Amino acid sequence: MSGHDLHDSHVAWHRMHPAARGLRIAGMVVLGVIAAGLFALAFGWLVMILWNWLMPTIFHLGEIGYWQAFGIVILAKLIFGGIGAGRHWGPRSHPGHGPGGAWHGPGRDWRLWRQYWDEEGRQSFERYTERHAGGGPGPGAPSGQQA
């Protein structure tokens, strides 16, 4: 999808009547809940099938029913995955993100990135490539020193 397509869909979304927008969001939420429920049911069934196929033979354990398999899935999620959206990295785990990161603070606005690139980024990048194309500083050397 090109940038123009994204822009057009964004404009169309904002021109939509608020009630229609609300109904569309509600419909997406209902479909999401139904899809998540179907996925959970299918996943419980898959765990039951795999357990009953492997565990009695390998570990001499008994067979289980659907709800026991579903309980195992929930238990495994609680023990190994925790409760939440599944994020394993906090905002401070990635340089440049979160409080005090390089892209936060005064004058650091992602919305200005495109404008910066159009106005200064291309010329700056061209100067950089020209400087390094003809035996300029090596990758580890500061820009004022020759490699």
N, C-alpha and C. Protein backbone atom coordinates (compact mmCIF):
# COMPACT_ATOMS: atom_id res chain seq x y z
N MET A 1 0.85 -1.17 0.00
CA MET A 1 0.00 0.00 0.00
C MET A 1 0.90 1.23 0.00
N SER A 2 0.66 2.15 -0.89
CA SER A 2 1.51 3.33 -1.00
C SER A 2 1.10 4.37 0.03
N GLY A 3 1.95 5.39 0.16
CA GLY A 3 1.67 6.47 1.10
C GLY A 3 0.40 7.23 0.75
N HIS A 4 0.13 7.34 -0.56
CA HIS A 4 -1.09 8.04 -0.97
C HIS A 4 -2.32 7.27 -0.57
N ASP A 5 -2.27 5.93 -0.71
CA ASP A 5 -3.42 5.10 -0.31
C ASP A 5 -3.69 5.25 1.18
N LEU A 6 -2.62 5.24 1.99
CA LEU A 6 -2.79 5.41 3.43
C LEU A 6 -3.39 6.77 3.75
N HIS A 7 -2.91 7.80 3.06
CA HIS A 7 -3.42 9.14 3.30
C HIS A 7 -4.90 9.22 2.92
N ASP A 8 -5.26 8.64 1.77
CA ASP A 8 -6.65 8.68 1.32
C ASP A 8 -7.57 7.94 2.29
N SER A 9 -7.13 6.77 2.80
CA SER A 9 -7.98 6.04 3.75
C SER A 9 -8.08 6.80 5.06
N HIS A 10 -7.00 7.50 5.45
CA HIS A 10 -7.03 8.31 6.67
C HIS A 10 -8.03 9.45 6.53
N VAL A 11 -8.02 10.10 5.39
CA VAL A 11 -8.95 11.19 5.13
C VAL A 11 -10.38 10.66 5.11
N ALA A 12 -10.60 9.53 4.43
CA ALA A 12 -11.94 8.95 4.36
C ALA A 12 -12.45 8.59 5.76
N TRP A 13 -11.57 8.08 6.61
CA TRP A 13 -11.97 7.72 7.97
C TRP A 13 -12.43 8.96 8.73
N HIS A 14 -11.73 10.07 8.60
CA HIS A 14 -12.09 11.27 9.34
C HIS A 14 -13.32 11.97 8.75
N ARG A 15 -13.61 11.73 7.48
CA ARG A 15 -14.81 12.32 6.89
C ARG A 15 -16.05 11.50 7.18
N MET A 16 -15.88 10.28 7.69
CA MET A 16 -17.00 9.40 7.99
C MET A 16 -17.80 9.97 9.17
N HIS A 17 -19.10 9.80 9.13
CA HIS A 17 -19.97 10.27 10.21
C HIS A 17 -19.56 9.59 11.51
N PRO A 18 -19.53 10.33 12.64
CA PRO A 18 -19.09 9.73 13.91
C PRO A 18 -19.88 8.48 14.31
N ALA A 19 -21.18 8.45 14.03
CA ALA A 19 -21.97 7.27 14.38
C ALA A 19 -21.55 6.07 13.54
N ALA A 20 -21.29 6.30 12.25
CA ALA A 20 -20.83 5.21 11.38
C ALA A 20 -19.45 4.73 11.81
N ARG A 21 -18.60 5.68 12.21
CA ARG A 21 -17.27 5.32 12.70
C ARG A 21 -17.38 4.46 13.96
N GLY A 22 -18.28 4.85 14.86
CA GLY A 22 -18.49 4.09 16.09
C GLY A 22 -19.00 2.69 15.81
N LEU A 23 -19.96 2.58 14.87
CA LEU A 23 -20.47 1.25 14.51
C LEU A 23 -19.38 0.39 13.88
N ARG A 24 -18.54 1.01 13.07
CA ARG A 24 -17.46 0.25 12.44
C ARG A 24 -16.47 -0.25 13.49
N ILE A 25 -16.14 0.59 14.45
CA ILE A 25 -15.22 0.19 15.52
C ILE A 25 -15.86 -0.93 16.35
N ALA A 26 -17.14 -0.77 16.68
CA ALA A 26 -17.83 -1.81 17.46
C ALA A 26 -17.85 -3.13 16.69
N GLY A 27 -18.09 -3.07 15.39
CA GLY A 27 -18.07 -4.27 14.57
C GLY A 27 -16.71 -4.94 14.57
N MET A 28 -15.63 -4.13 14.48
CA MET A 28 -14.29 -4.70 14.51
C MET A 28 -14.00 -5.34 15.86
N VAL A 29 -14.47 -4.73 16.95
CA VAL A 29 -14.25 -5.29 18.29
C VAL A 29 -14.98 -6.62 18.41
N VAL A 30 -16.25 -6.67 17.97
CA VAL A 30 -17.03 -7.91 18.06
C VAL A 30 -16.37 -9.00 17.21
N LEU A 31 -15.96 -8.68 15.99
CA LEU A 31 -15.28 -9.66 15.16
C LEU A 31 -13.97 -10.12 15.78
N GLY A 32 -13.25 -9.21 16.42
CA GLY A 32 -12.00 -9.56 17.09
C GLY A 32 -12.22 -10.52 18.25
N VAL A 33 -13.28 -10.25 19.03
CA VAL A 33 -13.59 -11.13 20.17
C VAL A 33 -14.00 -12.51 19.66
N ILE A 34 -14.82 -12.55 18.62
CA ILE A 34 -15.24 -13.84 18.05
C ILE A 34 -14.02 -14.60 17.51
N ALA A 35 -13.15 -13.91 16.79
CA ALA A 35 -11.96 -14.56 16.24
C ALA A 35 -11.05 -15.07 17.35
N ALA A 36 -10.88 -14.29 18.41
CA ALA A 36 -10.04 -14.73 19.53
C ALA A 36 -10.65 -15.95 20.21
N GLY A 37 -11.98 -15.95 20.37
CA GLY A 37 -12.65 -17.11 20.96
C GLY A 37 -12.48 -18.36 20.12
N LEU A 38 -12.65 -18.23 18.80
CA LEU A 38 -12.47 -19.37 17.91
C LEU A 38 -11.03 -19.88 17.94
N PHE A 39 -10.10 -18.95 17.98
CA PHE A 39 -8.69 -19.34 18.06
C PHE A 39 -8.41 -20.08 19.36
N ALA A 40 -8.96 -19.60 20.48
CA ALA A 40 -8.76 -20.26 21.78
C ALA A 40 -9.37 -21.66 21.77
N LEU A 41 -10.56 -21.80 21.19
CA LEU A 41 -11.19 -23.12 21.11
C LEU A 41 -10.35 -24.07 20.27
N ALA A 42 -9.90 -23.60 19.13
CA ALA A 42 -9.08 -24.43 18.25
C ALA A 42 -7.75 -24.79 18.91
N PHE A 43 -7.16 -23.86 19.63
CA PHE A 43 -5.88 -24.11 20.29
C PHE A 43 -6.04 -25.14 21.40
N GLY A 44 -7.14 -25.06 22.16
CA GLY A 44 -7.41 -26.07 23.19
C GLY A 44 -7.57 -27.45 22.57
N TRP A 45 -8.27 -27.53 21.47
CA TRP A 45 -8.46 -28.80 20.78
C TRP A 45 -7.12 -29.36 20.30
N LEU A 46 -6.27 -28.48 19.74
CA LEU A 46 -4.96 -28.91 19.26
C LEU A 46 -4.10 -29.44 20.40
N VAL A 47 -4.11 -28.75 21.55
CA VAL A 47 -3.34 -29.22 22.71
C VAL A 47 -3.86 -30.58 23.16
N MET A 48 -5.18 -30.76 23.18
CA MET A 48 -5.75 -32.05 23.59
C MET A 48 -5.29 -33.16 22.65
N ILE A 49 -5.36 -32.93 21.35
CA ILE A 49 -4.96 -33.94 20.37
C ILE A 49 -3.48 -34.29 20.53
N LEU A 50 -2.63 -33.27 20.64
CA LEU A 50 -1.20 -33.51 20.78
C LEU A 50 -0.87 -34.22 22.09
N TRP A 51 -1.51 -33.80 23.18
CA TRP A 51 -1.28 -34.44 24.48
C TRP A 51 -1.65 -35.92 24.40
N ASN A 52 -2.84 -36.20 23.91
CA ASN A 52 -3.32 -37.58 23.88
C ASN A 52 -2.52 -38.45 22.91
N TRP A 53 -1.86 -37.84 21.96
CA TRP A 53 -1.04 -38.58 21.01
C TRP A 53 0.35 -38.86 21.59
N LEU A 54 0.95 -37.84 22.27
CA LEU A 54 2.34 -37.95 22.70
C LEU A 54 2.54 -38.35 24.16
N MET A 55 1.85 -37.71 25.07
CA MET A 55 2.16 -37.86 26.49
C MET A 55 1.92 -39.27 27.04
N PRO A 56 0.83 -39.96 26.68
CA PRO A 56 0.68 -41.33 27.21
C PRO A 56 1.80 -42.27 26.75
N THR A 57 2.25 -42.08 25.51
CA THR A 57 3.30 -42.95 24.99
C THR A 57 4.67 -42.60 25.56
N ILE A 58 4.98 -41.32 25.62
CA ILE A 58 6.32 -40.91 26.04
C ILE A 58 6.49 -40.96 27.56
N PHE A 59 5.53 -40.38 28.29
CA PHE A 59 5.67 -40.23 29.74
C PHE A 59 4.70 -41.12 30.54
N HIS A 60 3.94 -41.97 29.88
CA HIS A 60 2.97 -42.85 30.52
C HIS A 60 1.95 -42.08 31.35
N LEU A 61 1.51 -40.94 30.83
CA LEU A 61 0.47 -40.13 31.47
C LEU A 61 -0.87 -40.49 30.85
N GLY A 62 -1.95 -40.17 31.58
CA GLY A 62 -3.28 -40.46 31.07
C GLY A 62 -3.71 -39.48 30.00
N GLU A 63 -4.76 -39.83 29.30
CA GLU A 63 -5.34 -38.93 28.30
C GLU A 63 -6.15 -37.85 29.01
N ILE A 64 -6.35 -36.73 28.33
CA ILE A 64 -7.09 -35.61 28.90
C ILE A 64 -8.24 -35.24 27.99
N GLY A 65 -9.19 -34.51 28.56
CA GLY A 65 -10.32 -34.01 27.79
C GLY A 65 -10.07 -32.59 27.32
N TYR A 66 -11.06 -32.04 26.59
CA TYR A 66 -10.91 -30.71 26.01
C TYR A 66 -10.68 -29.65 27.09
N TRP A 67 -11.50 -29.61 28.13
CA TRP A 67 -11.40 -28.55 29.13
C TRP A 67 -10.11 -28.67 29.94
N GLN A 68 -9.61 -29.88 30.13
CA GLN A 68 -8.31 -30.03 30.78
C GLN A 68 -7.21 -29.45 29.89
N ALA A 69 -7.29 -29.70 28.59
CA ALA A 69 -6.32 -29.13 27.66
C ALA A 69 -6.40 -27.61 27.65
N PHE A 70 -7.62 -27.10 27.67
CA PHE A 70 -7.80 -25.65 27.69
C PHE A 70 -7.21 -25.07 28.97
N GLY A 71 -7.39 -25.77 30.09
CA GLY A 71 -6.79 -25.34 31.35
C GLY A 71 -5.27 -25.36 31.31
N ILE A 72 -4.71 -26.35 30.63
CA ILE A 72 -3.25 -26.40 30.49
C ILE A 72 -2.75 -25.20 29.70
N VAL A 73 -3.48 -24.82 28.67
CA VAL A 73 -3.09 -23.65 27.87
C VAL A 73 -3.09 -22.39 28.73
N ILE A 74 -4.15 -22.22 29.53
CA ILE A 74 -4.23 -21.04 30.41
C ILE A 74 -3.13 -21.08 31.45
N LEU A 75 -2.90 -22.24 32.05
CA LEU A 75 -1.85 -22.37 33.05
C LEU A 75 -0.48 -22.06 32.45
N ALA A 76 -0.20 -22.58 31.26
CA ALA A 76 1.08 -22.30 30.60
C ALA A 76 1.23 -20.81 30.32
N LYS A 77 0.16 -20.17 29.92
CA LYS A 77 0.21 -18.72 29.66
C LYS A 77 0.53 -17.96 30.94
N LEU A 78 -0.10 -18.36 32.03
CA LEU A 78 0.15 -17.68 33.31
C LEU A 78 1.57 -17.91 33.80
N ILE A 79 2.06 -19.13 33.66
CA ILE A 79 3.40 -19.44 34.17
C ILE A 79 4.49 -18.86 33.27
N PHE A 80 4.37 -19.07 31.97
CA PHE A 80 5.46 -18.70 31.07
C PHE A 80 5.26 -17.36 30.37
N GLY A 81 4.02 -16.94 30.19
CA GLY A 81 3.78 -15.72 29.42
C GLY A 81 3.34 -14.55 30.26
N GLY A 82 2.94 -14.78 31.49
CA GLY A 82 2.45 -13.69 32.31
C GLY A 82 1.09 -13.22 31.84
N ILE A 83 0.63 -12.14 32.41
CA ILE A 83 -0.65 -11.56 32.02
C ILE A 83 -0.35 -10.26 31.32
N GLY A 84 -0.92 -10.05 30.16
CA GLY A 84 -0.69 -8.81 29.42
C GLY A 84 -0.68 -9.06 27.93
N ALA A 85 -0.18 -8.10 27.22
CA ALA A 85 -0.21 -8.14 25.75
C ALA A 85 0.96 -8.91 25.16
N GLY A 86 1.80 -9.49 25.99
CA GLY A 86 2.90 -10.27 25.47
C GLY A 86 4.15 -9.47 25.17
N ARG A 87 4.22 -8.23 25.63
CA ARG A 87 5.42 -7.42 25.42
C ARG A 87 6.49 -7.88 26.39
N HIS A 88 7.67 -8.16 25.86
CA HIS A 88 8.76 -8.59 26.70
C HIS A 88 9.77 -7.48 26.93
N TRP A 89 9.64 -6.41 26.23
CA TRP A 89 10.59 -5.32 26.34
C TRP A 89 9.88 -4.09 26.86
N GLY A 90 10.44 -3.50 27.87
CA GLY A 90 9.87 -2.27 28.40
C GLY A 90 10.34 -1.09 27.57
N PRO A 91 9.80 0.09 27.86
CA PRO A 91 10.18 1.27 27.08
C PRO A 91 11.64 1.64 27.24
N ARG A 92 12.29 1.24 28.33
CA ARG A 92 13.70 1.58 28.53
C ARG A 92 14.64 0.53 27.95
N SER A 93 14.10 -0.54 27.39
CA SER A 93 14.93 -1.62 26.89
C SER A 93 15.56 -1.32 25.55
N HIS A 94 15.00 -0.43 24.79
CA HIS A 94 15.52 -0.10 23.47
C HIS A 94 16.09 1.31 23.50
N PRO A 95 17.35 1.46 23.09
CA PRO A 95 17.91 2.81 23.05
C PRO A 95 17.07 3.71 22.15
N GLY A 96 16.81 4.88 22.61
CA GLY A 96 16.07 5.84 21.81
C GLY A 96 14.57 5.80 22.03
N HIS A 97 14.11 4.92 22.88
CA HIS A 97 12.67 4.83 23.14
C HIS A 97 12.44 4.97 24.64
N GLY A 98 11.31 5.47 24.99
CA GLY A 98 10.97 5.59 26.41
C GLY A 98 11.52 6.87 27.00
N PRO A 99 11.27 7.07 28.29
CA PRO A 99 11.72 8.30 28.96
C PRO A 99 13.22 8.47 28.88
N GLY A 100 13.66 9.63 28.45
CA GLY A 100 15.07 9.93 28.38
C GLY A 100 15.77 9.37 27.16
N GLY A 101 15.05 8.70 26.27
CA GLY A 101 15.65 8.12 25.08
C GLY A 101 16.01 9.19 24.07
N ALA A 102 16.78 8.80 23.08
CA ALA A 102 17.28 9.76 22.09
C ALA A 102 16.17 10.40 21.28
N TRP A 103 15.02 9.74 21.11
CA TRP A 103 13.95 10.31 20.29
C TRP A 103 12.85 10.94 21.12
N HIS A 104 13.13 11.19 22.38
CA HIS A 104 12.13 11.84 23.23
C HIS A 104 12.75 13.10 23.82
N GLY A 105 11.92 14.01 24.18
CA GLY A 105 12.38 15.25 24.77
C GLY A 105 12.05 16.42 23.85
N PRO A 106 12.49 17.60 24.25
CA PRO A 106 12.19 18.79 23.46
C PRO A 106 12.75 18.69 22.05
N GLY A 107 11.96 19.03 21.07
CA GLY A 107 12.40 19.05 19.69
C GLY A 107 12.46 17.70 19.02
N ARG A 108 12.01 16.64 19.67
CA ARG A 108 12.05 15.29 19.09
C ARG A 108 10.63 14.86 18.78
N ASP A 109 10.23 15.06 17.56
CA ASP A 109 8.86 14.73 17.16
C ASP A 109 8.90 13.90 15.90
N TRP A 110 8.39 12.67 15.96
CA TRP A 110 8.40 11.77 14.80
C TRP A 110 7.64 12.35 13.62
N ARG A 111 6.65 13.19 13.89
CA ARG A 111 5.87 13.76 12.79
C ARG A 111 6.72 14.69 11.93
N LEU A 112 7.82 15.17 12.46
CA LEU A 112 8.69 16.06 11.70
C LEU A 112 9.72 15.31 10.87
N TRP A 113 9.80 13.99 11.03
CA TRP A 113 10.82 13.22 10.32
C TRP A 113 10.72 13.39 8.81
N ARG A 114 9.54 13.25 8.25
CA ARG A 114 9.36 13.36 6.80
C ARG A 114 9.78 14.75 6.33
N GLN A 115 9.38 15.78 7.06
CA GLN A 115 9.74 17.15 6.69
C GLN A 115 11.25 17.33 6.75
N TYR A 116 11.89 16.81 7.80
CA TYR A 116 13.34 16.91 7.91
C TYR A 116 14.02 16.22 6.72
N TRP A 117 13.56 15.01 6.42
CA TRP A 117 14.20 14.26 5.34
C TRP A 117 14.07 15.00 4.02
N ASP A 118 12.89 15.58 3.75
CA ASP A 118 12.69 16.31 2.51
C ASP A 118 13.56 17.56 2.44
N GLU A 119 13.72 18.24 3.56
CA GLU A 119 14.45 19.51 3.55
C GLU A 119 15.96 19.34 3.69
N GLU A 120 16.41 18.46 4.57
CA GLU A 120 17.84 18.39 4.87
C GLU A 120 18.45 17.00 4.71
N GLY A 121 17.66 15.99 4.90
CA GLY A 121 18.19 14.63 4.98
C GLY A 121 18.85 14.16 3.71
N ARG A 122 18.23 14.40 2.57
CA ARG A 122 18.80 13.90 1.31
C ARG A 122 20.15 14.56 1.02
N GLN A 123 20.23 15.88 1.17
CA GLN A 123 21.48 16.57 0.91
C GLN A 123 22.55 16.12 1.90
N SER A 124 22.19 15.97 3.14
CA SER A 124 23.14 15.53 4.15
C SER A 124 23.64 14.12 3.84
N PHE A 125 22.74 13.24 3.43
CA PHE A 125 23.15 11.88 3.08
C PHE A 125 24.06 11.87 1.86
N GLU A 126 23.78 12.70 0.86
CA GLU A 126 24.62 12.78 -0.32
C GLU A 126 26.03 13.27 0.05
N ARG A 127 26.13 14.28 0.91
CA ARG A 127 27.43 14.75 1.36
C ARG A 127 28.18 13.64 2.10
N TYR A 128 27.47 12.90 2.92
CA TYR A 128 28.07 11.79 3.67
C TYR A 128 28.61 10.72 2.73
N THR A 129 27.83 10.32 1.73
CA THR A 129 28.29 9.28 0.81
C THR A 129 29.45 9.77 -0.05
N GLU A 130 29.47 11.03 -0.45
CA GLU A 130 30.59 11.58 -1.21
C GLU A 130 31.86 11.58 -0.36
N ARG A 131 31.71 11.91 0.91
CA ARG A 131 32.85 11.96 1.82
C ARG A 131 33.46 10.57 1.99
N HIS A 132 32.64 9.53 2.02
CA HIS A 132 33.13 8.18 2.26
C HIS A 132 33.44 7.41 0.98
N ALA A 133 33.02 7.90 -0.15
CA ALA A 133 33.23 7.18 -1.41
C ALA A 133 34.68 7.25 -1.87
N GLY A 134 35.35 8.34 -1.64
CA GLY A 134 36.71 8.53 -2.16
C GLY A 134 37.78 8.32 -1.12
N GLY A 135 37.66 7.30 -0.27
CA GLY A 135 38.70 7.02 0.72
C GLY A 135 38.65 7.95 1.91
N GLY A 136 37.47 8.43 2.20
CA GLY A 136 37.30 9.28 3.37
C GLY A 136 37.48 8.48 4.65
N PRO A 137 36.99 8.99 5.75
CA PRO A 137 37.15 8.30 7.03
C PRO A 137 36.56 6.90 6.98
N GLY A 138 37.20 5.96 7.65
CA GLY A 138 36.69 4.59 7.73
C GLY A 138 35.48 4.52 8.61
N PRO A 139 34.88 3.35 8.70
CA PRO A 139 33.64 3.22 9.45
C PRO A 139 33.78 3.55 10.92
N GLY A 140 34.95 3.28 11.52
CA GLY A 140 35.08 3.52 12.95
C GLY A 140 35.72 4.86 13.28
N ALA A 141 36.24 5.57 12.29
CA ALA A 141 36.95 6.81 12.54
C ALA A 141 35.98 7.97 12.63
N PRO A 142 36.28 8.95 13.50
CA PRO A 142 35.45 10.16 13.53
C PRO A 142 35.54 10.87 12.19
N SER A 143 34.52 11.65 11.87
CA SER A 143 34.43 12.25 10.53
C SER A 143 35.56 13.22 10.22
N GLY A 144 36.30 13.74 11.20
CA GLY A 144 37.37 14.69 10.94
C GLY A 144 38.70 14.03 10.69
N GLN A 145 38.84 12.68 10.87
CA GLN A 145 40.11 12.01 10.72
C GLN A 145 40.09 11.07 9.53
N GLN A 146 41.26 10.89 8.93
CA GLN A 146 41.38 9.92 7.82
C GLN A 146 41.67 8.55 8.41
N ALA A 147 41.18 7.49 7.70
CA ALA A 147 41.41 6.12 8.16
C ALA A 147 42.81 5.68 7.86
